Structures are given as C-alpha cells and as structure tokens.
Amino acid sequence: MTVLHDFVSDCYLDYASQGLEPGSLLDGDWEKCHHPKPKCQGGEETVWLLKRHHAVHNVLQSEVFQMPCLYGWEIEFLDEDMAVLHKK
C-alpha cells in the first residue's frame, strides 16, 4: 500500500510546486479517485488527482490489491511500463 501513498504524495508535491489546486476546474482535468482502498473493496476515502495521474493510480491499485481496478479509459494516459501492467 506504500506505493499508492507515495504516488499520491508525489502527485500532491508536484501540484504544489506548479501552483495547482487539486479539484479546481481552472487547473486541469481533475477526478475524484478512491484512495487508498478501491470503491469495489468498500473504499470511501477519495483524493483529487489529474486524470492522467488517476489512470496510473488505477494501475498501481490493481497491482497492490491483486484485482482489476481498471475501466479501459486509462490506457491512453499510460507510458509503456504502465501499459504493460494495465494489460496484465
């Protein structure tokens, strides 16, 4: 689960360094992301992530929970390594 927390922490540090306000429609395409536990596992906590980061988070969450937490839309936002995990 540490990988998920580290990823979200890194995202929020990056947002802060760019002056982005998570969830602000003026600052990008934000989505509420169930974190750390996926919704299908009863997760109720959410964080705001840019859509491209939400895609990576879904892949990482799938790996951590060893179950698919993917919907298909993520693939266009993933680099090659993440795309391999997405297809797994």
PDB file of N, CA and C in Angstrom:
ATOM      1  N   MET A   1       0.827  -1.186   0.000  1.00  0.00           N
ATOM      2  CA  MET A   1       0.000   0.000   0.000  1.00  0.00           C
ATOM      3  C   MET A   1       0.873   1.252   0.000  1.00  0.00           C
ATOM      4  N   THR A   2       2.111   1.099   0.432  1.00  0.00           N
ATOM      5  CA  THR A   2       3.028   2.236   0.466  1.00  0.00           C
ATOM      6  C   THR A   2       3.191   2.862  -0.909  1.00  0.00           C
ATOM      7  N   VAL A   3       3.217   2.035  -1.946  1.00  0.00           N
ATOM      8  CA  VAL A   3       3.398   2.565  -3.297  1.00  0.00           C
ATOM      9  C   VAL A   3       2.260   3.529  -3.661  1.00  0.00           C
ATOM     10  N   LEU A   4       1.041   3.241  -3.229  1.00  0.00           N
ATOM     11  CA  LEU A   4      -0.089   4.129  -3.501  1.00  0.00           C
ATOM     12  C   LEU A   4       0.045   5.446  -2.741  1.00  0.00           C
ATOM     13  N   HIS A   5       0.396   5.346  -1.463  1.00  0.00           N
ATOM     14  CA  HIS A   5       0.568   6.560  -0.660  1.00  0.00           C
ATOM     15  C   HIS A   5       1.705   7.415  -1.210  1.00  0.00           C
ATOM     16  N   ASP A   6       2.810   6.766  -1.579  1.00  0.00           N
ATOM     17  CA  ASP A   6       3.951   7.503  -2.135  1.00  0.00           C
ATOM     18  C   ASP A   6       3.570   8.187  -3.446  1.00  0.00           C
ATOM     19  N   PHE A   7       2.836   7.478  -4.292  1.00  0.00           N
ATOM     20  CA  PHE A   7       2.429   8.047  -5.570  1.00  0.00           C
ATOM     21  C   PHE A   7       1.566   9.290  -5.363  1.00  0.00           C
ATOM     22  N   VAL A   8       0.559   9.187  -4.493  1.00  0.00           N
ATOM     23  CA  VAL A   8      -0.327  10.325  -4.249  1.00  0.00           C
ATOM     24  C   VAL A   8       0.452  11.473  -3.610  1.00  0.00           C
ATOM     25  N   SER A   9       1.340  11.170  -2.669  1.00  0.00           N
ATOM     26  CA  SER A   9       2.170  12.218  -2.053  1.00  0.00           C
ATOM     27  C   SER A   9       3.007  12.938  -3.095  1.00  0.00           C
ATOM     28  N   ASP A  10       3.618  12.161  -3.996  1.00  0.00           N
ATOM     29  CA  ASP A  10       4.428  12.759  -5.063  1.00  0.00           C
ATOM     30  C   ASP A  10       3.571  13.635  -5.981  1.00  0.00           C
ATOM     31  N   CYS A  11       2.365  13.182  -6.288  1.00  0.00           N
ATOM     32  CA  CYS A  11       1.463  13.986  -7.117  1.00  0.00           C
ATOM     33  C   CYS A  11       1.157  15.310  -6.434  1.00  0.00           C
ATOM     34  N   TYR A  12       0.837  15.257  -5.152  1.00  0.00           N
ATOM     35  CA  TYR A  12       0.477  16.484  -4.435  1.00  0.00           C
ATOM     36  C   TYR A  12       1.670  17.427  -4.287  1.00  0.00           C
ATOM     37  N   LEU A  13       2.872  16.881  -4.123  1.00  0.00           N
ATOM     38  CA  LEU A  13       4.069  17.729  -4.106  1.00  0.00           C
ATOM     39  C   LEU A  13       4.256  18.402  -5.462  1.00  0.00           C
ATOM     40  N   ASP A  14       4.048  17.646  -6.534  1.00  0.00           N
ATOM     41  CA  ASP A  14       4.159  18.186  -7.888  1.00  0.00           C
ATOM     42  C   ASP A  14       3.106  19.269  -8.123  1.00  0.00           C
ATOM     43  N   TYR A  15       1.874  19.020  -7.697  1.00  0.00           N
ATOM     44  CA  TYR A  15       0.819  20.017  -7.862  1.00  0.00           C
ATOM     45  C   TYR A  15       1.188  21.307  -7.131  1.00  0.00           C
ATOM     46  N   ALA A  16       1.674  21.161  -5.899  1.00  0.00           N
ATOM     47  CA  ALA A  16       2.044  22.340  -5.101  1.00  0.00           C
ATOM     48  C   ALA A  16       3.162  23.126  -5.775  1.00  0.00           C
ATOM     49  N   SER A  17       4.150  22.409  -6.329  1.00  0.00           N
ATOM     50  CA  SER A  17       5.269  23.101  -6.971  1.00  0.00           C
ATOM     51  C   SER A  17       4.842  23.855  -8.228  1.00  0.00           C
ATOM     52  N   GLN A  18       3.732  23.415  -8.830  1.00  0.00           N
ATOM     53  CA  GLN A  18       3.209  24.080 -10.026  1.00  0.00           C
ATOM     54  C   GLN A  18       2.098  25.074  -9.706  1.00  0.00           C
ATOM     55  N   GLY A  19       1.769  25.187  -8.425  1.00  0.00           N
ATOM     56  CA  GLY A  19       0.704  26.094  -8.021  1.00  0.00           C
ATOM     57  C   GLY A  19      -0.684  25.611  -8.411  1.00  0.00           C
ATOM     58  N   LEU A  20      -0.851  24.296  -8.550  1.00  0.00           N
ATOM     59  CA  LEU A  20      -2.148  23.726  -8.914  1.00  0.00           C
ATOM     60  C   LEU A  20      -2.974  23.458  -7.668  1.00  0.00           C
ATOM     61  N   GLU A  21      -4.252  23.705  -7.750  1.00  0.00           N
ATOM     62  CA  GLU A  21      -5.173  23.459  -6.646  1.00  0.00           C
ATOM     63  C   GLU A  21      -5.994  22.215  -6.986  1.00  0.00           C
ATOM     64  N   PRO A  22      -5.730  21.079  -6.297  1.00  0.00           N
ATOM     65  CA  PRO A  22      -6.476  19.852  -6.596  1.00  0.00           C
ATOM     66  C   PRO A  22      -7.988  20.072  -6.574  1.00  0.00           C
ATOM     67  N   GLY A  23      -8.628  19.644  -7.640  1.00  0.00           N
ATOM     68  CA  GLY A  23     -10.066  19.758  -7.779  1.00  0.00           C
ATOM     69  C   GLY A  23     -10.530  21.020  -8.483  1.00  0.00           C
ATOM     70  N   SER A  24      -9.640  21.981  -8.671  1.00  0.00           N
ATOM     71  CA  SER A  24     -10.026  23.245  -9.305  1.00  0.00           C
ATOM     72  C   SER A  24     -10.181  23.062 -10.814  1.00  0.00           C
ATOM     73  N   LEU A  25     -11.338  23.405 -11.317  1.00  0.00           N
ATOM     74  CA  LEU A  25     -11.579  23.285 -12.758  1.00  0.00           C
ATOM     75  C   LEU A  25     -10.675  24.205 -13.566  1.00  0.00           C
ATOM     76  N   LEU A  26     -10.140  25.215 -12.930  1.00  0.00           N
ATOM     77  CA  LEU A  26      -9.240  26.139 -13.620  1.00  0.00           C
ATOM     78  C   LEU A  26      -7.845  25.545 -13.819  1.00  0.00           C
ATOM     79  N   ASP A  27      -7.533  24.510 -13.050  1.00  0.00           N
ATOM     80  CA  ASP A  27      -6.180  23.956 -13.062  1.00  0.00           C
ATOM     81  C   ASP A  27      -6.035  22.619 -13.775  1.00  0.00           C
ATOM     82  N   GLY A  28      -7.048  22.155 -14.445  1.00  0.00           N
ATOM     83  CA  GLY A  28      -6.891  20.905 -15.182  1.00  0.00           C
ATOM     84  C   GLY A  28      -8.109  20.011 -15.117  1.00  0.00           C
ATOM     85  N   ASP A  29      -7.931  18.803 -15.639  1.00  0.00           N
ATOM     86  CA  ASP A  29      -8.987  17.801 -15.698  1.00  0.00           C
ATOM     87  C   ASP A  29      -8.835  16.889 -14.471  1.00  0.00           C
ATOM     88  N   TRP A  30      -9.515  17.244 -13.375  1.00  0.00           N
ATOM     89  CA  TRP A  30      -9.400  16.541 -12.104  1.00  0.00           C
ATOM     90  C   TRP A  30     -10.495  15.493 -11.959  1.00  0.00           C
ATOM     91  N   GLU A  31     -10.158  14.446 -11.235  1.00  0.00           N
ATOM     92  CA  GLU A  31     -11.144  13.408 -10.939  1.00  0.00           C
ATOM     93  C   GLU A  31     -10.967  12.964  -9.493  1.00  0.00           C
ATOM     94  N   LYS A  32     -12.087  12.610  -8.859  1.00  0.00           N
ATOM     95  CA  LYS A  32     -12.010  12.018  -7.530  1.00  0.00           C
ATOM     96  C   LYS A  32     -11.585  10.571  -7.693  1.00  0.00           C
ATOM     97  N   CYS A  33     -10.615  10.198  -6.920  1.00  0.00           N
ATOM     98  CA  CYS A  33     -10.024   8.869  -7.015  1.00  0.00           C
ATOM     99  C   CYS A  33     -10.143   8.185  -5.655  1.00  0.00           C
ATOM    100  N   HIS A  34     -10.700   6.983  -5.628  1.00  0.00           N
ATOM    101  CA  HIS A  34     -10.783   6.245  -4.365  1.00  0.00           C
ATOM    102  C   HIS A  34      -9.377   5.844  -3.934  1.00  0.00           C
ATOM    103  N   HIS A  35      -9.017   6.308  -2.761  1.00  0.00           N
ATOM    104  CA  HIS A  35      -7.654   6.080  -2.257  1.00  0.00           C
ATOM    105  C   HIS A  35      -7.694   5.975  -0.745  1.00  0.00           C
ATOM    106  N   PRO A  36      -7.019   5.052  -0.149  1.00  0.00           N
ATOM    107  CA  PRO A  36      -6.169   4.051  -0.781  1.00  0.00           C
ATOM    108  C   PRO A  36      -6.932   2.817  -1.258  1.00  0.00           C
ATOM    109  N   LYS A  37      -8.098   2.588  -0.675  1.00  0.00           N
ATOM    110  CA  LYS A  37      -8.853   1.377  -0.974  1.00  0.00           C
ATOM    111  C   LYS A  37      -9.816   1.627  -2.132  1.00  0.00           C
ATOM    112  N   PRO A  38      -9.874   0.701  -3.103  1.00  0.00           N
ATOM    113  CA  PRO A  38     -10.802   0.889  -4.226  1.00  0.00           C
ATOM    114  C   PRO A  38     -12.265   0.825  -3.767  1.00  0.00           C
ATOM    115  N   LYS A  39     -13.105   1.484  -4.517  1.00  0.00           N
ATOM    116  CA  LYS A  39     -14.535   1.520  -4.201  1.00  0.00           C
ATOM    117  C   LYS A  39     -15.118   0.114  -4.114  1.00  0.00           C
ATOM    118  N   CYS A  40     -14.721  -0.772  -5.014  1.00  0.00           N
ATOM    119  CA  CYS A  40     -15.259  -2.130  -5.035  1.00  0.00           C
ATOM    120  C   CYS A  40     -14.852  -2.943  -3.805  1.00  0.00           C
ATOM    121  N   GLN A  41     -13.880  -2.435  -3.048  1.00  0.00           N
ATOM    122  CA  GLN A  41     -13.448  -3.079  -1.805  1.00  0.00           C
ATOM    123  C   GLN A  41     -13.990  -2.331  -0.590  1.00  0.00           C
ATOM    124  N   GLY A  42     -14.944  -1.450  -0.827  1.00  0.00           N
ATOM    125  CA  GLY A  42     -15.546  -0.696   0.261  1.00  0.00           C
ATOM    126  C   GLY A  42     -14.851   0.623   0.573  1.00  0.00           C
ATOM    127  N   GLY A  43     -13.901   1.016  -0.272  1.00  0.00           N
ATOM    128  CA  GLY A  43     -13.200   2.270  -0.056  1.00  0.00           C
ATOM    129  C   GLY A  43     -14.124   3.467  -0.191  1.00  0.00           C
ATOM    130  N   GLU A  44     -14.057   4.351   0.783  1.00  0.00           N
ATOM    131  CA  GLU A  44     -14.893   5.547   0.761  1.00  0.00           C
ATOM    132  C   GLU A  44     -14.067   6.822   0.695  1.00  0.00           C
ATOM    133  N   GLU A  45     -12.788   6.759   1.057  1.00  0.00           N
ATOM    134  CA  GLU A  45     -11.926   7.929   1.021  1.00  0.00           C
ATOM    135  C   GLU A  45     -11.537   8.236  -0.419  1.00  0.00           C
ATOM    136  N   THR A  46     -11.471   9.523  -0.726  1.00  0.00           N
ATOM    137  CA  THR A  46     -11.080   9.926  -2.075  1.00  0.00           C
ATOM    138  C   THR A  46     -10.047  11.053  -2.010  1.00  0.00           C
ATOM    139  N   VAL A  47      -9.307  11.180  -3.095  1.00  0.00           N
ATOM    140  CA  VAL A  47      -8.382  12.291  -3.303  1.00  0.00           C
ATOM    141  C   VAL A  47      -8.627  12.818  -4.708  1.00  0.00           C
ATOM    142  N   TRP A  48      -8.274  14.084  -4.923  1.00  0.00           N
ATOM    143  CA  TRP A  48      -8.354  14.659  -6.258  1.00  0.00           C
ATOM    144  C   TRP A  48      -7.031  14.421  -6.980  1.00  0.00           C
ATOM    145  N   LEU A  49      -7.103  13.839  -8.156  1.00  0.00           N
ATOM    146  CA  LEU A  49      -5.923  13.645  -8.997  1.00  0.00           C
ATOM    147  C   LEU A  49      -6.244  14.127 -10.407  1.00  0.00           C
ATOM    148  N   LEU A  50      -5.210  14.634 -11.081  1.00  0.00           N
ATOM    149  CA  LEU A  50      -5.378  14.906 -12.508  1.00  0.00           C
ATOM    150  C   LEU A  50      -5.694  13.585 -13.195  1.00  0.00           C
ATOM    151  N   LYS A  51      -6.464  13.647 -14.248  1.00  0.00           N
ATOM    152  CA  LYS A  51      -6.923  12.424 -14.914  1.00  0.00           C
ATOM    153  C   LYS A  51      -5.756  11.506 -15.283  1.00  0.00           C
ATOM    154  N   ARG A  52      -4.653  12.081 -15.765  1.00  0.00           N
ATOM    155  CA  ARG A  52      -3.509  11.239 -16.157  1.00  0.00           C
ATOM    156  C   ARG A  52      -2.913  10.520 -14.947  1.00  0.00           C
ATOM    157  N   HIS A  53      -2.966  11.157 -13.776  1.00  0.00           N
ATOM    158  CA  HIS A  53      -2.466  10.520 -12.560  1.00  0.00           C
ATOM    159  C   HIS A  53      -3.473   9.513 -12.015  1.00  0.00           C
ATOM    160  N   HIS A  54      -4.753   9.787 -12.213  1.00  0.00           N
ATOM    161  CA  HIS A  54      -5.780   8.827 -11.815  1.00  0.00           C
ATOM    162  C   HIS A  54      -5.586   7.516 -12.585  1.00  0.00           C
ATOM    163  N   ALA A  55      -5.243   7.615 -13.841  1.00  0.00           N
ATOM    164  CA  ALA A  55      -5.008   6.418 -14.663  1.00  0.00           C
ATOM    165  C   ALA A  55      -3.880   5.571 -14.080  1.00  0.00           C
ATOM    166  N   VAL A  56      -2.773   6.211 -13.730  1.00  0.00           N
ATOM    167  CA  VAL A  56      -1.632   5.484 -13.151  1.00  0.00           C
ATOM    168  C   VAL A  56      -2.036   4.905 -11.796  1.00  0.00           C
ATOM    169  N   HIS A  57      -2.746   5.675 -11.005  1.00  0.00           N
ATOM    170  CA  HIS A  57      -3.189   5.211  -9.689  1.00  0.00           C
ATOM    171  C   HIS A  57      -4.028   3.939  -9.827  1.00  0.00           C
ATOM    172  N   ASN A  58      -4.926   3.888 -10.814  1.00  0.00           N
ATOM    173  CA  ASN A  58      -5.752   2.696 -11.016  1.00  0.00           C
ATOM    174  C   ASN A  58      -4.902   1.466 -11.316  1.00  0.00           C
ATOM    175  N   VAL A  59      -3.852   1.642 -12.096  1.00  0.00           N
ATOM    176  CA  VAL A  59      -2.958   0.520 -12.410  1.00  0.00           C
ATOM    177  C   VAL A  59      -2.228   0.079 -11.139  1.00  0.00           C
ATOM    178  N   LEU A  60      -1.687   1.029 -10.402  1.00  0.00           N
ATOM    179  CA  LEU A  60      -0.974   0.702  -9.167  1.00  0.00           C
ATOM    180  C   LEU A  60      -1.915   0.038  -8.155  1.00  0.00           C
ATOM    181  N   GLN A  61      -3.110   0.551  -8.062  1.00  0.00           N
ATOM    182  CA  GLN A  61      -4.094  -0.023  -7.143  1.00  0.00           C
ATOM    183  C   GLN A  61      -4.420  -1.464  -7.536  1.00  0.00           C
ATOM    184  N   SER A  62      -4.508  -1.729  -8.818  1.00  0.00           N
ATOM    185  CA  SER A  62      -4.759  -3.091  -9.297  1.00  0.00           C
ATOM    186  C   SER A  62      -3.640  -4.038  -8.873  1.00  0.00           C
ATOM    187  N   GLU A  63      -2.411  -3.546  -8.933  1.00  0.00           N
ATOM    188  CA  GLU A  63      -1.265  -4.354  -8.520  1.00  0.00           C
ATOM    189  C   GLU A  63      -1.274  -4.592  -7.010  1.00  0.00           C
ATOM    190  N   VAL A  64      -1.513  -3.553  -6.249  1.00  0.00           N
ATOM    191  CA  VAL A  64      -1.497  -3.666  -4.789  1.00  0.00           C
ATOM    192  C   VAL A  64      -2.589  -4.614  -4.301  1.00  0.00           C
ATOM    193  N   PHE A  65      -3.796  -4.477  -4.838  1.00  0.00           N
ATOM    194  CA  PHE A  65      -4.921  -5.283  -4.376  1.00  0.00           C
ATOM    195  C   PHE A  65      -5.072  -6.592  -5.159  1.00  0.00           C
ATOM    196  N   GLN A  66      -4.215  -6.790  -6.173  1.00  0.00           N
ATOM    197  CA  GLN A  66      -4.248  -8.003  -6.985  1.00  0.00           C
ATOM    198  C   GLN A  66      -5.647  -8.313  -7.511  1.00  0.00           C
ATOM    199  N   MET A  67      -6.266  -7.254  -8.032  1.00  0.00           N
ATOM    200  CA  MET A  67      -7.567  -7.375  -8.675  1.00  0.00           C
ATOM    201  C   MET A  67      -7.717  -6.189  -9.622  1.00  0.00           C
ATOM    202  N   PRO A  68      -8.496  -6.323 -10.671  1.00  0.00           N
ATOM    203  CA  PRO A  68      -8.630  -5.209 -11.609  1.00  0.00           C
ATOM    204  C   PRO A  68      -9.378  -4.023 -11.007  1.00  0.00           C
ATOM    205  N   CYS A  69      -8.725  -2.887 -11.038  1.00  0.00           N
ATOM    206  CA  CYS A  69      -9.325  -1.606 -10.623  1.00  0.00           C
ATOM    207  C   CYS A  69      -9.273  -0.675 -11.826  1.00  0.00           C
ATOM    208  N   LEU A  70      -9.533  -1.242 -12.990  1.00  0.00           N
ATOM    209  CA  LEU A  70      -9.380  -0.546 -14.263  1.00  0.00           C
ATOM    210  C   LEU A  70     -10.705  -0.529 -15.012  1.00  0.00           C
ATOM    211  N   TYR A  71     -10.832   0.447 -15.890  1.00  0.00           N
ATOM    212  CA  TYR A  71     -12.068   0.576 -16.654  1.00  0.00           C
ATOM    213  C   TYR A  71     -11.829   0.624 -18.158  1.00  0.00           C
ATOM    214  N   GLY A  72     -10.573   0.740 -18.585  1.00  0.00           N
ATOM    215  CA  GLY A  72     -10.251   0.770 -20.003  1.00  0.00           C
ATOM    216  C   GLY A  72      -9.823   2.135 -20.509  1.00  0.00           C
ATOM    217  N   TRP A  73     -10.367   3.199 -19.941  1.00  0.00           N
ATOM    218  CA  TRP A  73     -10.029   4.549 -20.393  1.00  0.00           C
ATOM    219  C   TRP A  73      -8.584   4.916 -20.077  1.00  0.00           C
ATOM    220  N   GLU A  74      -7.987   4.248 -19.108  1.00  0.00           N
ATOM    221  CA  GLU A  74      -6.666   4.625 -18.618  1.00  0.00           C
ATOM    222  C   GLU A  74      -5.555   4.487 -19.656  1.00  0.00           C
ATOM    223  N   ILE A  75      -5.674   3.544 -20.566  1.00  0.00           N
ATOM    224  CA  ILE A  75      -4.571   3.183 -21.465  1.00  0.00           C
ATOM    225  C   ILE A  75      -3.995   4.378 -22.221  1.00  0.00           C
ATOM    226  N   GLU A  76      -4.815   5.330 -22.623  1.00  0.00           N
ATOM    227  CA  GLU A  76      -4.307   6.473 -23.394  1.00  0.00           C
ATOM    228  C   GLU A  76      -3.412   7.399 -22.569  1.00  0.00           C
ATOM    229  N   PHE A  77      -3.426   7.259 -21.257  1.00  0.00           N
ATOM    230  CA  PHE A  77      -2.642   8.125 -20.376  1.00  0.00           C
ATOM    231  C   PHE A  77      -1.385   7.458 -19.830  1.00  0.00           C
ATOM    232  N   LEU A  78      -1.137   6.212 -20.202  1.00  0.00           N
ATOM    233  CA  LEU A  78      -0.061   5.439 -19.590  1.00  0.00           C
ATOM    234  C   LEU A  78       1.184   5.372 -20.451  1.00  0.00           C
ATOM    235  N   ASP A  79       2.343   5.369 -19.778  1.00  0.00           N
ATOM    236  CA  ASP A  79       3.585   5.132 -20.502  1.00  0.00           C
ATOM    237  C   ASP A  79       3.691   3.628 -20.769  1.00  0.00           C
ATOM    238  N   GLU A  80       4.736   3.233 -21.453  1.00  0.00           N
ATOM    239  CA  GLU A  80       4.865   1.829 -21.887  1.00  0.00           C
ATOM    240  C   GLU A  80       4.865   0.856 -20.712  1.00  0.00           C
ATOM    241  N   ASP A  81       5.608   1.169 -19.650  1.00  0.00           N
ATOM    242  CA  ASP A  81       5.671   0.258 -18.500  1.00  0.00           C
ATOM    243  C   ASP A  81       4.323   0.093 -17.826  1.00  0.00           C
ATOM    244  N   MET A  82       3.617   1.189 -17.644  1.00  0.00           N
ATOM    245  CA  MET A  82       2.293   1.130 -17.026  1.00  0.00           C
ATOM    246  C   MET A  82       1.287   0.433 -17.953  1.00  0.00           C
ATOM    247  N   ALA A  83       1.439   0.615 -19.258  1.00  0.00           N
ATOM    248  CA  ALA A  83       0.539  -0.033 -20.218  1.00  0.00           C
ATOM    249  C   ALA A  83       0.679  -1.556 -20.148  1.00  0.00           C
ATOM    250  N   VAL A  84       1.907  -2.025 -19.919  1.00  0.00           N
ATOM    251  CA  VAL A  84       2.134  -3.477 -19.771  1.00  0.00           C
ATOM    252  C   VAL A  84       1.387  -3.987 -18.546  1.00  0.00           C
ATOM    253  N   LEU A  85       1.482  -3.258 -17.430  1.00  0.00           N
ATOM    254  CA  LEU A  85       0.754  -3.659 -16.229  1.00  0.00           C
ATOM    255  C   LEU A  85      -0.749  -3.585 -16.436  1.00  0.00           C
ATOM    256  N   HIS A  86      -1.193  -2.588 -17.187  1.00  0.00           N
ATOM    257  CA  HIS A  86      -2.627  -2.430 -17.474  1.00  0.00           C
ATOM    258  C   HIS A  86      -3.157  -3.653 -18.210  1.00  0.00           C
ATOM    259  N   LYS A  87      -2.397  -4.161 -19.151  1.00  0.00           N
ATOM    260  CA  LYS A  87      -2.840  -5.315 -19.945  1.00  0.00           C
ATOM    261  C   LYS A  87      -2.795  -6.614 -19.154  1.00  0.00           C
ATOM    262  N   LYS A  88      -1.997  -6.627 -18.108  1.00  0.00           N
ATOM    263  CA  LYS A  88      -1.858  -7.824 -17.254  1.00  0.00           C
ATOM    264  C   LYS A  88      -3.174  -8.072 -16.580  1.00  0.00           C
TER     265      LYS A  88
END
